[in-house]
PDB file of N, CA and C in Angstrom:
ATOM      1  N   MET A   1       3.408 -46.070  32.599  1.00  0.00           N
ATOM      2  CA  MET A   1       4.059 -45.166  31.672  1.00  0.00           C
ATOM      3  C   MET A   1       3.026 -44.180  31.130  1.00  0.00           C
ATOM      4  N   ALA A   2       3.386 -42.932  31.052  1.00  0.00           N
ATOM      5  CA  ALA A   2       2.460 -41.868  30.661  1.00  0.00           C
ATOM      6  C   ALA A   2       2.474 -41.640  29.156  1.00  0.00           C
ATOM      7  N   LEU A   3       1.614 -40.753  28.729  1.00  0.00           N
ATOM      8  CA  LEU A   3       1.553 -40.336  27.334  1.00  0.00           C
ATOM      9  C   LEU A   3       2.850 -39.592  27.002  1.00  0.00           C
ATOM     10  N   PRO A   4       3.501 -39.908  25.870  1.00  0.00           N
ATOM     11  CA  PRO A   4       4.761 -39.229  25.529  1.00  0.00           C
ATOM     12  C   PRO A   4       4.591 -37.707  25.441  1.00  0.00           C
ATOM     13  N   THR A   5       5.616 -36.975  25.813  1.00  0.00           N
ATOM     14  CA  THR A   5       5.571 -35.522  25.835  1.00  0.00           C
ATOM     15  C   THR A   5       5.226 -34.938  24.470  1.00  0.00           C
ATOM     16  N   LYS A   6       5.742 -35.520  23.401  1.00  0.00           N
ATOM     17  CA  LYS A   6       5.480 -34.995  22.058  1.00  0.00           C
ATOM     18  C   LYS A   6       3.999 -35.134  21.678  1.00  0.00           C
ATOM     19  N   ASN A   7       3.263 -35.987  22.362  1.00  0.00           N
ATOM     20  CA  ASN A   7       1.848 -36.205  22.056  1.00  0.00           C
ATOM     21  C   ASN A   7       0.919 -35.467  23.019  1.00  0.00           C
ATOM     22  N   ARG A   8       1.435 -34.468  23.725  1.00  0.00           N
ATOM     23  CA  ARG A   8       0.622 -33.696  24.662  1.00  0.00           C
ATOM     24  C   ARG A   8       0.483 -32.254  24.201  1.00  0.00           C
ATOM     25  N   LEU A   9      -0.702 -31.702  24.374  1.00  0.00           N
ATOM     26  CA  LEU A   9      -0.917 -30.272  24.177  1.00  0.00           C
ATOM     27  C   LEU A   9      -0.482 -29.573  25.451  1.00  0.00           C
ATOM     28  N   LYS A  10       0.325 -28.518  25.326  1.00  0.00           N
ATOM     29  CA  LYS A  10       0.815 -27.845  26.516  1.00  0.00           C
ATOM     30  C   LYS A  10       0.461 -26.362  26.530  1.00  0.00           C
ATOM     31  N   LYS A  11       0.521 -25.720  25.377  1.00  0.00           N
ATOM     32  CA  LYS A  11       0.317 -24.277  25.318  1.00  0.00           C
ATOM     33  C   LYS A  11      -1.161 -23.912  25.298  1.00  0.00           C
ATOM     34  N   ARG A  12      -1.470 -22.832  25.972  1.00  0.00           N
ATOM     35  CA  ARG A  12      -2.846 -22.341  25.993  1.00  0.00           C
ATOM     36  C   ARG A  12      -3.322 -22.006  24.578  1.00  0.00           C
ATOM     37  N   SER A  13      -2.419 -21.489  23.746  1.00  0.00           N
ATOM     38  CA  SER A  13      -2.800 -21.139  22.374  1.00  0.00           C
ATOM     39  C   SER A  13      -3.211 -22.375  21.581  1.00  0.00           C
ATOM     40  N   ASP A  14      -2.589 -23.525  21.846  1.00  0.00           N
ATOM     41  CA  ASP A  14      -2.981 -24.768  21.178  1.00  0.00           C
ATOM     42  C   ASP A  14      -4.378 -25.197  21.612  1.00  0.00           C
ATOM     43  N   PHE A  15      -4.651 -25.090  22.913  1.00  0.00           N
ATOM     44  CA  PHE A  15      -5.989 -25.416  23.411  1.00  0.00           C
ATOM     45  C   PHE A  15      -7.027 -24.482  22.793  1.00  0.00           C
ATOM     46  N   ASP A  16      -6.715 -23.173  22.739  1.00  0.00           N
ATOM     47  CA  ASP A  16      -7.650 -22.193  22.174  1.00  0.00           C
ATOM     48  C   ASP A  16      -7.933 -22.476  20.705  1.00  0.00           C
ATOM     49  N   THR A  17      -6.913 -22.869  19.949  1.00  0.00           N
ATOM     50  CA  THR A  17      -7.088 -23.193  18.534  1.00  0.00           C
ATOM     51  C   THR A  17      -8.043 -24.358  18.358  1.00  0.00           C
ATOM     52  N   VAL A  18      -7.910 -25.373  19.174  1.00  0.00           N
ATOM     53  CA  VAL A  18      -8.791 -26.535  19.087  1.00  0.00           C
ATOM     54  C   VAL A  18     -10.212 -26.136  19.467  1.00  0.00           C
ATOM     55  N   PHE A  19     -10.371 -25.324  20.514  1.00  0.00           N
ATOM     56  CA  PHE A  19     -11.709 -24.925  20.927  1.00  0.00           C
ATOM     57  C   PHE A  19     -12.400 -24.054  19.887  1.00  0.00           C
ATOM     58  N   LYS A  20     -11.649 -23.209  19.185  1.00  0.00           N
ATOM     59  CA  LYS A  20     -12.254 -22.332  18.174  1.00  0.00           C
ATOM     60  C   LYS A  20     -12.589 -23.069  16.893  1.00  0.00           C
ATOM     61  N   GLY A  21     -11.714 -23.963  16.446  1.00  0.00           N
ATOM     62  CA  GLY A  21     -11.920 -24.593  15.147  1.00  0.00           C
ATOM     63  C   GLY A  21     -12.168 -26.084  15.174  1.00  0.00           C
ATOM     64  N   GLY A  22     -12.231 -26.664  16.366  1.00  0.00           N
ATOM     65  CA  GLY A  22     -12.368 -28.111  16.469  1.00  0.00           C
ATOM     66  C   GLY A  22     -13.801 -28.592  16.322  1.00  0.00           C
ATOM     67  N   ARG A  23     -13.915 -29.844  15.942  1.00  0.00           N
ATOM     68  CA  ARG A  23     -15.215 -30.493  15.803  1.00  0.00           C
ATOM     69  C   ARG A  23     -15.608 -31.089  17.159  1.00  0.00           C
ATOM     70  N   PRO A  24     -16.778 -30.706  17.712  1.00  0.00           N
ATOM     71  CA  PRO A  24     -17.158 -31.206  19.033  1.00  0.00           C
ATOM     72  C   PRO A  24     -17.912 -32.531  18.971  1.00  0.00           C
ATOM     73  N   LEU A  25     -17.788 -33.294  20.043  1.00  0.00           N
ATOM     74  CA  LEU A  25     -18.541 -34.533  20.191  1.00  0.00           C
ATOM     75  C   LEU A  25     -18.724 -34.794  21.680  1.00  0.00           C
ATOM     76  N   LYS A  26     -19.976 -35.065  22.087  1.00  0.00           N
ATOM     77  CA  LYS A  26     -20.254 -35.423  23.475  1.00  0.00           C
ATOM     78  C   LYS A  26     -20.430 -36.925  23.560  1.00  0.00           C
ATOM     79  N   SER A  27     -19.815 -37.510  24.570  1.00  0.00           N
ATOM     80  CA  SER A  27     -19.925 -38.941  24.796  1.00  0.00           C
ATOM     81  C   SER A  27     -19.980 -39.176  26.296  1.00  0.00           C
ATOM     82  N   GLY A  28     -21.154 -39.478  26.806  1.00  0.00           N
ATOM     83  CA  GLY A  28     -21.301 -39.666  28.245  1.00  0.00           C
ATOM     84  C   GLY A  28     -20.985 -38.381  28.973  1.00  0.00           C
ATOM     85  N   GLY A  29     -20.057 -38.434  29.901  1.00  0.00           N
ATOM     86  CA  GLY A  29     -19.665 -37.266  30.663  1.00  0.00           C
ATOM     87  C   GLY A  29     -18.482 -36.534  30.070  1.00  0.00           C
ATOM     88  N   LEU A  30     -18.146 -36.812  28.809  1.00  0.00           N
ATOM     89  CA  LEU A  30     -16.983 -36.196  28.160  1.00  0.00           C
ATOM     90  C   LEU A  30     -17.404 -35.295  27.003  1.00  0.00           C
ATOM     91  N   LEU A  31     -16.685 -34.190  26.836  1.00  0.00           N
ATOM     92  CA  LEU A  31     -16.777 -33.364  25.636  1.00  0.00           C
ATOM     93  C   LEU A  31     -15.422 -33.468  24.966  1.00  0.00           C
ATOM     94  N   ILE A  32     -15.422 -33.862  23.704  1.00  0.00           N
ATOM     95  CA  ILE A  32     -14.171 -34.033  22.978  1.00  0.00           C
ATOM     96  C   ILE A  32     -14.195 -33.116  21.770  1.00  0.00           C
ATOM     97  N   LYS A  33     -13.152 -32.314  21.635  1.00  0.00           N
ATOM     98  CA  LYS A  33     -13.016 -31.431  20.475  1.00  0.00           C
ATOM     99  C   LYS A  33     -11.748 -31.834  19.744  1.00  0.00           C
ATOM    100  N   ALA A  34     -11.875 -32.018  18.435  1.00  0.00           N
ATOM    101  CA  ALA A  34     -10.735 -32.430  17.620  1.00  0.00           C
ATOM    102  C   ALA A  34     -10.564 -31.456  16.466  1.00  0.00           C
ATOM    103  N   GLY A  35      -9.342 -31.032  16.242  1.00  0.00           N
ATOM    104  CA  GLY A  35      -9.019 -30.134  15.144  1.00  0.00           C
ATOM    105  C   GLY A  35      -7.744 -30.582  14.460  1.00  0.00           C
ATOM    106  N   LEU A  36      -7.452 -29.962  13.338  1.00  0.00           N
ATOM    107  CA  LEU A  36      -6.252 -30.300  12.576  1.00  0.00           C
ATOM    108  C   LEU A  36      -5.060 -29.500  13.079  1.00  0.00           C
ATOM    109  N   ASN A  37      -3.875 -30.097  12.942  1.00  0.00           N
ATOM    110  CA  ASN A  37      -2.641 -29.358  13.193  1.00  0.00           C
ATOM    111  C   ASN A  37      -1.723 -29.553  11.993  1.00  0.00           C
ATOM    112  N   ASN A  38      -0.628 -28.844  11.947  1.00  0.00           N
ATOM    113  CA  ASN A  38       0.303 -28.938  10.826  1.00  0.00           C
ATOM    114  C   ASN A  38       1.474 -29.862  11.139  1.00  0.00           C
ATOM    115  N   LEU A  39       1.286 -30.760  12.067  1.00  0.00           N
ATOM    116  CA  LEU A  39       2.352 -31.666  12.489  1.00  0.00           C
ATOM    117  C   LEU A  39       2.049 -33.072  12.000  1.00  0.00           C
ATOM    118  N   ASN A  40       3.031 -33.932  12.059  1.00  0.00           N
ATOM    119  CA  ASN A  40       2.856 -35.312  11.633  1.00  0.00           C
ATOM    120  C   ASN A  40       2.609 -36.215  12.845  1.00  0.00           C
ATOM    121  N   LEU A  41       1.850 -35.708  13.823  1.00  0.00           N
ATOM    122  CA  LEU A  41       1.519 -36.495  14.995  1.00  0.00           C
ATOM    123  C   LEU A  41       0.224 -35.985  15.599  1.00  0.00           C
ATOM    124  N   THR A  42      -0.373 -36.806  16.434  1.00  0.00           N
ATOM    125  CA  THR A  42      -1.607 -36.448  17.116  1.00  0.00           C
ATOM    126  C   THR A  42      -1.271 -36.076  18.544  1.00  0.00           C
ATOM    127  N   ARG A  43      -1.815 -34.934  19.003  1.00  0.00           N
ATOM    128  CA  ARG A  43      -1.555 -34.455  20.353  1.00  0.00           C
ATOM    129  C   ARG A  43      -2.866 -34.397  21.133  1.00  0.00           C
ATOM    130  N   PHE A  44      -2.776 -34.646  22.427  1.00  0.00           N
ATOM    131  CA  PHE A  44      -3.945 -34.682  23.297  1.00  0.00           C
ATOM    132  C   PHE A  44      -3.766 -33.729  24.469  1.00  0.00           C
ATOM    133  N   GLY A  45      -4.879 -33.123  24.875  1.00  0.00           N
ATOM    134  CA  GLY A  45      -4.915 -32.297  26.076  1.00  0.00           C
ATOM    135  C   GLY A  45      -6.118 -32.711  26.899  1.00  0.00           C
ATOM    136  N   PHE A  46      -5.989 -32.641  28.202  1.00  0.00           N
ATOM    137  CA  PHE A  46      -7.055 -33.066  29.102  1.00  0.00           C
ATOM    138  C   PHE A  46      -7.420 -31.929  30.037  1.00  0.00           C
ATOM    139  N   ILE A  47      -8.730 -31.722  30.231  1.00  0.00           N
ATOM    140  CA  ILE A  47      -9.209 -30.700  31.145  1.00  0.00           C
ATOM    141  C   ILE A  47     -10.191 -31.354  32.105  1.00  0.00           C
ATOM    142  N   VAL A  48      -9.872 -31.254  33.396  1.00  0.00           N
ATOM    143  CA  VAL A  48     -10.755 -31.761  34.444  1.00  0.00           C
ATOM    144  C   VAL A  48     -10.916 -30.631  35.457  1.00  0.00           C
ATOM    145  N   SER A  49     -12.099 -30.088  35.554  1.00  0.00           N
ATOM    146  CA  SER A  49     -12.369 -28.948  36.417  1.00  0.00           C
ATOM    147  C   SER A  49     -12.481 -29.376  37.884  1.00  0.00           C
ATOM    148  N   PRO A  50     -12.029 -28.513  38.786  1.00  0.00           N
ATOM    149  CA  PRO A  50     -12.232 -28.786  40.215  1.00  0.00           C
ATOM    150  C   PRO A  50     -13.717 -28.827  40.598  1.00  0.00           C
ATOM    151  N   ARG A  51     -14.571 -28.255  39.771  1.00  0.00           N
ATOM    152  CA  ARG A  51     -16.013 -28.315  40.039  1.00  0.00           C
ATOM    153  C   ARG A  51     -16.550 -29.725  39.810  1.00  0.00           C
ATOM    154  N   VAL A  52     -15.896 -30.473  38.929  1.00  0.00           N
ATOM    155  CA  VAL A  52     -16.346 -31.829  38.609  1.00  0.00           C
ATOM    156  C   VAL A  52     -15.728 -32.834  39.577  1.00  0.00           C
ATOM    157  N   ILE A  53     -14.430 -32.764  39.757  1.00  0.00           N
ATOM    158  CA  ILE A  53     -13.716 -33.662  40.682  1.00  0.00           C
ATOM    159  C   ILE A  53     -12.948 -32.774  41.655  1.00  0.00           C
ATOM    160  N   LYS A  54     -13.262 -32.887  42.914  1.00  0.00           N
ATOM    161  CA  LYS A  54     -12.797 -31.933  43.930  1.00  0.00           C
ATOM    162  C   LYS A  54     -11.299 -31.975  44.220  1.00  0.00           C
ATOM    163  N   THR A  55     -10.715 -33.152  44.334  1.00  0.00           N
ATOM    164  CA  THR A  55      -9.316 -33.221  44.768  1.00  0.00           C
ATOM    165  C   THR A  55      -8.359 -33.293  43.576  1.00  0.00           C
ATOM    166  N   ALA A  56      -7.226 -32.640  43.729  1.00  0.00           N
ATOM    167  CA  ALA A  56      -6.212 -32.636  42.678  1.00  0.00           C
ATOM    168  C   ALA A  56      -5.690 -34.042  42.410  1.00  0.00           C
ATOM    169  N   VAL A  57      -5.599 -34.850  43.454  1.00  0.00           N
ATOM    170  CA  VAL A  57      -5.115 -36.220  43.303  1.00  0.00           C
ATOM    171  C   VAL A  57      -6.031 -36.996  42.359  1.00  0.00           C
ATOM    172  N   ALA A  58      -7.334 -36.869  42.537  1.00  0.00           N
ATOM    173  CA  ALA A  58      -8.303 -37.583  41.700  1.00  0.00           C
ATOM    174  C   ALA A  58      -8.306 -37.037  40.268  1.00  0.00           C
ATOM    175  N   ARG A  59      -8.171 -35.710  40.123  1.00  0.00           N
ATOM    176  CA  ARG A  59      -8.114 -35.115  38.773  1.00  0.00           C
ATOM    177  C   ARG A  59      -6.894 -35.611  38.015  1.00  0.00           C
ATOM    178  N   ASN A  60      -5.742 -35.621  38.673  1.00  0.00           N
ATOM    179  CA  ASN A  60      -4.515 -36.075  38.020  1.00  0.00           C
ATOM    180  C   ASN A  60      -4.549 -37.569  37.721  1.00  0.00           C
ATOM    181  N   ALA A  61      -5.172 -38.339  38.585  1.00  0.00           N
ATOM    182  CA  ALA A  61      -5.307 -39.774  38.337  1.00  0.00           C
ATOM    183  C   ALA A  61      -6.156 -40.020  37.096  1.00  0.00           C
ATOM    184  N   LEU A  62      -7.205 -39.231  36.917  1.00  0.00           N
ATOM    185  CA  LEU A  62      -8.048 -39.370  35.735  1.00  0.00           C
ATOM    186  C   LEU A  62      -7.272 -38.996  34.466  1.00  0.00           C
ATOM    187  N   LYS A  63      -6.473 -37.957  34.534  1.00  0.00           N
ATOM    188  CA  LYS A  63      -5.650 -37.567  33.382  1.00  0.00           C
ATOM    189  C   LYS A  63      -4.642 -38.664  33.039  1.00  0.00           C
ATOM    190  N   ARG A  64      -4.051 -39.287  34.055  1.00  0.00           N
ATOM    191  CA  ARG A  64      -3.125 -40.400  33.807  1.00  0.00           C
ATOM    192  C   ARG A  64      -3.862 -41.584  33.184  1.00  0.00           C
ATOM    193  N   LEU A  65      -5.095 -41.832  33.636  1.00  0.00           N
ATOM    194  CA  LEU A  65      -5.908 -42.901  33.061  1.00  0.00           C
ATOM    195  C   LEU A  65      -6.151 -42.640  31.574  1.00  0.00           C
ATOM    196  N   PHE A  66      -6.484 -41.400  31.214  1.00  0.00           N
ATOM    197  CA  PHE A  66      -6.676 -41.064  29.806  1.00  0.00           C
ATOM    198  C   PHE A  66      -5.412 -41.343  28.998  1.00  0.00           C
ATOM    199  N   GLY A  67      -4.264 -40.959  29.542  1.00  0.00           N
ATOM    200  CA  GLY A  67      -2.991 -41.224  28.862  1.00  0.00           C
ATOM    201  C   GLY A  67      -2.758 -42.702  28.642  1.00  0.00           C
ATOM    202  N   GLU A  68      -3.077 -43.514  29.642  1.00  0.00           N
ATOM    203  CA  GLU A  68      -2.900 -44.963  29.529  1.00  0.00           C
ATOM    204  C   GLU A  68      -3.877 -45.590  28.533  1.00  0.00           C
ATOM    205  N   ILE A  69      -5.055 -45.007  28.401  1.00  0.00           N
ATOM    206  CA  ILE A  69      -6.026 -45.503  27.427  1.00  0.00           C
ATOM    207  C   ILE A  69      -5.567 -45.183  26.006  1.00  0.00           C
ATOM    208  N   ILE A  70      -5.025 -44.004  25.811  1.00  0.00           N
ATOM    209  CA  ILE A  70      -4.652 -43.517  24.480  1.00  0.00           C
ATOM    210  C   ILE A  70      -3.319 -44.082  24.001  1.00  0.00           C
ATOM    211  N   ARG A  71      -2.346 -44.200  24.891  1.00  0.00           N
ATOM    212  CA  ARG A  71      -0.974 -44.556  24.509  1.00  0.00           C
ATOM    213  C   ARG A  71      -0.847 -45.816  23.651  1.00  0.00           C
ATOM    214  N   PRO A  72      -1.530 -46.918  23.947  1.00  0.00           N
ATOM    215  CA  PRO A  72      -1.344 -48.126  23.117  1.00  0.00           C
ATOM    216  C   PRO A  72      -1.774 -47.950  21.655  1.00  0.00           C
ATOM    217  N   GLY A  73      -2.709 -47.043  21.393  1.00  0.00           N
ATOM    218  CA  GLY A  73      -3.197 -46.883  20.028  1.00  0.00           C
ATOM    219  C   GLY A  73      -2.564 -45.740  19.256  1.00  0.00           C
ATOM    220  N   LEU A  74      -1.533 -45.104  19.798  1.00  0.00           N
ATOM    221  CA  LEU A  74      -0.937 -43.936  19.140  1.00  0.00           C
ATOM    222  C   LEU A  74      -0.422 -44.231  17.738  1.00  0.00           C
ATOM    223  N   LYS A  75       0.177 -45.377  17.535  1.00  0.00           N
ATOM    224  CA  LYS A  75       0.784 -45.697  16.234  1.00  0.00           C
ATOM    225  C   LYS A  75      -0.257 -45.855  15.129  1.00  0.00           C
ATOM    226  N   ARG A  76      -1.476 -46.297  15.484  1.00  0.00           N
ATOM    227  CA  ARG A  76      -2.493 -46.512  14.453  1.00  0.00           C
ATOM    228  C   ARG A  76      -3.512 -45.375  14.362  1.00  0.00           C
ATOM    229  N   MET A  77      -3.287 -44.297  15.123  1.00  0.00           N
ATOM    230  CA  MET A  77      -4.203 -43.156  15.077  1.00  0.00           C
ATOM    231  C   MET A  77      -3.952 -42.289  13.855  1.00  0.00           C
ATOM    232  N   THR A  78      -5.011 -41.597  13.440  1.00  0.00           N
ATOM    233  CA  THR A  78      -4.898 -40.628  12.369  1.00  0.00           C
ATOM    234  C   THR A  78      -3.943 -39.530  12.817  1.00  0.00           C
ATOM    235  N   GLN A  79      -2.964 -39.215  11.988  1.00  0.00           N
ATOM    236  CA  GLN A  79      -1.958 -38.220  12.353  1.00  0.00           C
ATOM    237  C   GLN A  79      -2.417 -36.822  11.943  1.00  0.00           C
ATOM    238  N   GLY A  80      -1.835 -35.814  12.550  1.00  0.00           N
ATOM    239  CA  GLY A  80      -2.136 -34.434  12.206  1.00  0.00           C
ATOM    240  C   GLY A  80      -3.378 -33.898  12.892  1.00  0.00           C
ATOM    241  N   ARG A  81      -3.675 -34.373  14.103  1.00  0.00           N
ATOM    242  CA  ARG A  81      -4.856 -33.927  14.855  1.00  0.00           C
ATOM    243  C   ARG A  81      -4.450 -33.431  16.234  1.00  0.00           C
ATOM    244  N   ASP A  82      -5.203 -32.452  16.719  1.00  0.00           N
ATOM    245  CA  ASP A  82      -5.120 -32.029  18.106  1.00  0.00           C
ATOM    246  C   ASP A  82      -6.461 -32.351  18.737  1.00  0.00           C
ATOM    247  N   VAL A  83      -6.443 -32.992  19.884  1.00  0.00           N
ATOM    248  CA  VAL A  83      -7.669 -33.430  20.555  1.00  0.00           C
ATOM    249  C   VAL A  83      -7.649 -32.937  21.995  1.00  0.00           C
ATOM    250  N   VAL A  84      -8.761 -32.296  22.395  1.00  0.00           N
ATOM    251  CA  VAL A  84      -8.921 -31.865  23.779  1.00  0.00           C
ATOM    252  C   VAL A  84     -10.086 -32.642  24.372  1.00  0.00           C
ATOM    253  N   ILE A  85      -9.856 -33.248  25.520  1.00  0.00           N
ATOM    254  CA  ILE A  85     -10.875 -34.036  26.214  1.00  0.00           C
ATOM    255  C   ILE A  85     -11.236 -33.294  27.498  1.00  0.00           C
ATOM    256  N   VAL A  86     -12.510 -32.901  27.605  1.00  0.00           N
ATOM    257  CA  VAL A  86     -12.999 -32.161  28.761  1.00  0.00           C
ATOM    258  C   VAL A  86     -13.958 -33.061  29.535  1.00  0.00           C
ATOM    259  N   VAL A  87     -13.696 -33.230  30.817  1.00  0.00           N
ATOM    260  CA  VAL A  87     -14.584 -34.031  31.663  1.00  0.00           C
ATOM    261  C   VAL A  87     -15.672 -33.104  32.187  1.00  0.00           C
ATOM    262  N   GLN A  88     -16.936 -33.428  31.849  1.00  0.00           N
ATOM    263  CA  GLN A  88     -18.058 -32.596  32.278  1.00  0.00           C
ATOM    264  C   GLN A  88     -18.793 -33.168  33.480  1.00  0.00           C
ATOM    265  N   LYS A  89     -18.722 -34.483  33.671  1.00  0.00           N
ATOM    266  CA  LYS A  89     -19.279 -35.080  34.879  1.00  0.00           C
ATOM    267  C   LYS A  89     -18.488 -36.341  35.213  1.00  0.00           C
ATOM    268  N   SER A  90     -18.418 -36.614  36.489  1.00  0.00           N
ATOM    269  CA  SER A  90     -17.637 -37.742  36.974  1.00  0.00           C
ATOM    270  C   SER A  90     -18.408 -39.049  36.798  1.00  0.00           C
ATOM    271  N   GLU A  91     -17.732 -40.055  36.247  1.00  0.00           N
ATOM    272  CA  GLU A  91     -18.295 -41.386  36.069  1.00  0.00           C
ATOM    273  C   GLU A  91     -17.248 -42.411  36.509  1.00  0.00           C
ATOM    274  N   SER A  92     -17.627 -43.673  36.511  1.00  0.00           N
ATOM    275  CA  SER A  92     -16.667 -44.714  36.868  1.00  0.00           C
ATOM    276  C   SER A  92     -15.565 -44.777  35.808  1.00  0.00           C
ATOM    277  N   ASP A  93     -14.411 -45.298  36.193  1.00  0.00           N
ATOM    278  CA  ASP A  93     -13.279 -45.391  35.273  1.00  0.00           C
ATOM    279  C   ASP A  93     -13.624 -46.240  34.053  1.00  0.00           C
ATOM    280  N   GLU A  94     -14.335 -47.335  34.256  1.00  0.00           N
ATOM    281  CA  GLU A  94     -14.684 -48.225  33.147  1.00  0.00           C
ATOM    282  C   GLU A  94     -15.627 -47.540  32.169  1.00  0.00           C
ATOM    283  N   LYS A  95     -16.611 -46.821  32.669  1.00  0.00           N
ATOM    284  CA  LYS A  95     -17.565 -46.108  31.809  1.00  0.00           C
ATOM    285  C   LYS A  95     -16.853 -44.984  31.058  1.00  0.00           C
ATOM    286  N   THR A  96     -15.955 -44.288  31.733  1.00  0.00           N
ATOM    287  CA  THR A  96     -15.189 -43.214  31.103  1.00  0.00           C
ATOM    288  C   THR A  96     -14.328 -43.768  29.970  1.00  0.00           C
ATOM    289  N   LYS A  97     -13.697 -44.913  30.205  1.00  0.00           N
ATOM    290  CA  LYS A  97     -12.860 -45.552  29.182  1.00  0.00           C
ATOM    291  C   LYS A  97     -13.695 -45.913  27.957  1.00  0.00           C
ATOM    292  N   GLU A  98     -14.865 -46.513  28.169  1.00  0.00           N
ATOM    293  CA  GLU A  98     -15.751 -46.875  27.057  1.00  0.00           C
ATOM    294  C   GLU A  98     -16.171 -45.648  26.263  1.00  0.00           C
ATOM    295  N   ASN A  99     -16.559 -44.571  26.964  1.00  0.00           N
ATOM    296  CA  ASN A  99     -16.986 -43.340  26.304  1.00  0.00           C
ATOM    297  C   ASN A  99     -15.859 -42.720  25.484  1.00  0.00           C
ATOM    298  N   LEU A 100     -14.649 -42.723  26.029  1.00  0.00           N
ATOM    299  CA  LEU A 100     -13.502 -42.143  25.324  1.00  0.00           C
ATOM    300  C   LEU A 100     -13.183 -42.927  24.051  1.00  0.00           C
ATOM    301  N   LEU A 101     -13.098 -44.243  24.149  1.00  0.00           N
ATOM    302  CA  LEU A 101     -12.783 -45.056  22.971  1.00  0.00           C
ATOM    303  C   LEU A 101     -13.868 -44.935  21.907  1.00  0.00           C
ATOM    304  N   GLU A 102     -15.130 -44.910  22.323  1.00  0.00           N
ATOM    305  CA  GLU A 102     -16.241 -44.759  21.380  1.00  0.00           C
ATOM    306  C   GLU A 102     -16.164 -43.412  20.661  1.00  0.00           C
ATOM    307  N   ALA A 103     -15.859 -42.354  21.409  1.00  0.00           N
ATOM    308  CA  ALA A 103     -15.778 -41.030  20.814  1.00  0.00           C
ATOM    309  C   ALA A 103     -14.614 -40.917  19.826  1.00  0.00           C
ATOM    310  N   LEU A 104     -13.455 -41.494  20.167  1.00  0.00           N
ATOM    311  CA  LEU A 104     -12.305 -41.440  19.271  1.00  0.00           C
ATOM    312  C   LEU A 104     -12.576 -42.206  17.983  1.00  0.00           C
ATOM    313  N   LYS A 105     -13.328 -43.300  18.057  1.00  0.00           N
ATOM    314  CA  LYS A 105     -13.707 -44.037  16.863  1.00  0.00           C
ATOM    315  C   LYS A 105     -14.699 -43.245  16.024  1.00  0.00           C
ATOM    316  N   THR A 106     -15.642 -42.574  16.673  1.00  0.00           N
ATOM    317  CA  THR A 106     -16.631 -41.757  15.965  1.00  0.00           C
ATOM    318  C   THR A 106     -15.954 -40.611  15.219  1.00  0.00           C
ATOM    319  N   LEU A 107     -14.955 -40.001  15.844  1.00  0.00           N
ATOM    320  CA  LEU A 107     -14.210 -38.902  15.212  1.00  0.00           C
ATOM    321  C   LEU A 107     -13.174 -39.392  14.201  1.00  0.00           C
ATOM    322  N   LYS A 108     -13.076 -40.714  14.033  1.00  0.00           N
ATOM    323  CA  LYS A 108     -12.143 -41.351  13.097  1.00  0.00           C
ATOM    324  C   LYS A 108     -10.692 -41.016  13.400  1.00  0.00           C
ATOM    325  N   ILE A 109     -10.397 -40.954  14.698  1.00  0.00           N
ATOM    326  CA  ILE A 109      -9.023 -40.748  15.145  1.00  0.00           C
ATOM    327  C   ILE A 109      -8.396 -42.095  15.468  1.00  0.00           C
ATOM    328  N   LEU A 110      -9.199 -42.990  16.008  1.00  0.00           N
ATOM    329  CA  LEU A 110      -8.715 -44.314  16.397  1.00  0.00           C
ATOM    330  C   LEU A 110      -9.250 -45.364  15.429  1.00  0.00           C
TER     331      LEU A 110
END
């Protein structure tokens, strides 16, 4: 099961807002930017460049993995945040999961 639609960033303007005003954090091969929104929910966006992971299948699988990591903790997350996760270098799935959870705790989202 994927991340619910209401918890996804879709518009380019939403991504741009997070990049301009969001707080950055690097964790392993990930760059995470978190900013405030005026909604009563937390939304996530994922960016995986073809320069980092060559095939679309692998990029989409990584995005689905992020959704599966985040989905169980949605109810206890800090509400009113927009978070963009950018993959800067490819790592194993287990290492990526550890880096993501550590970063979300550092940003006090999880």
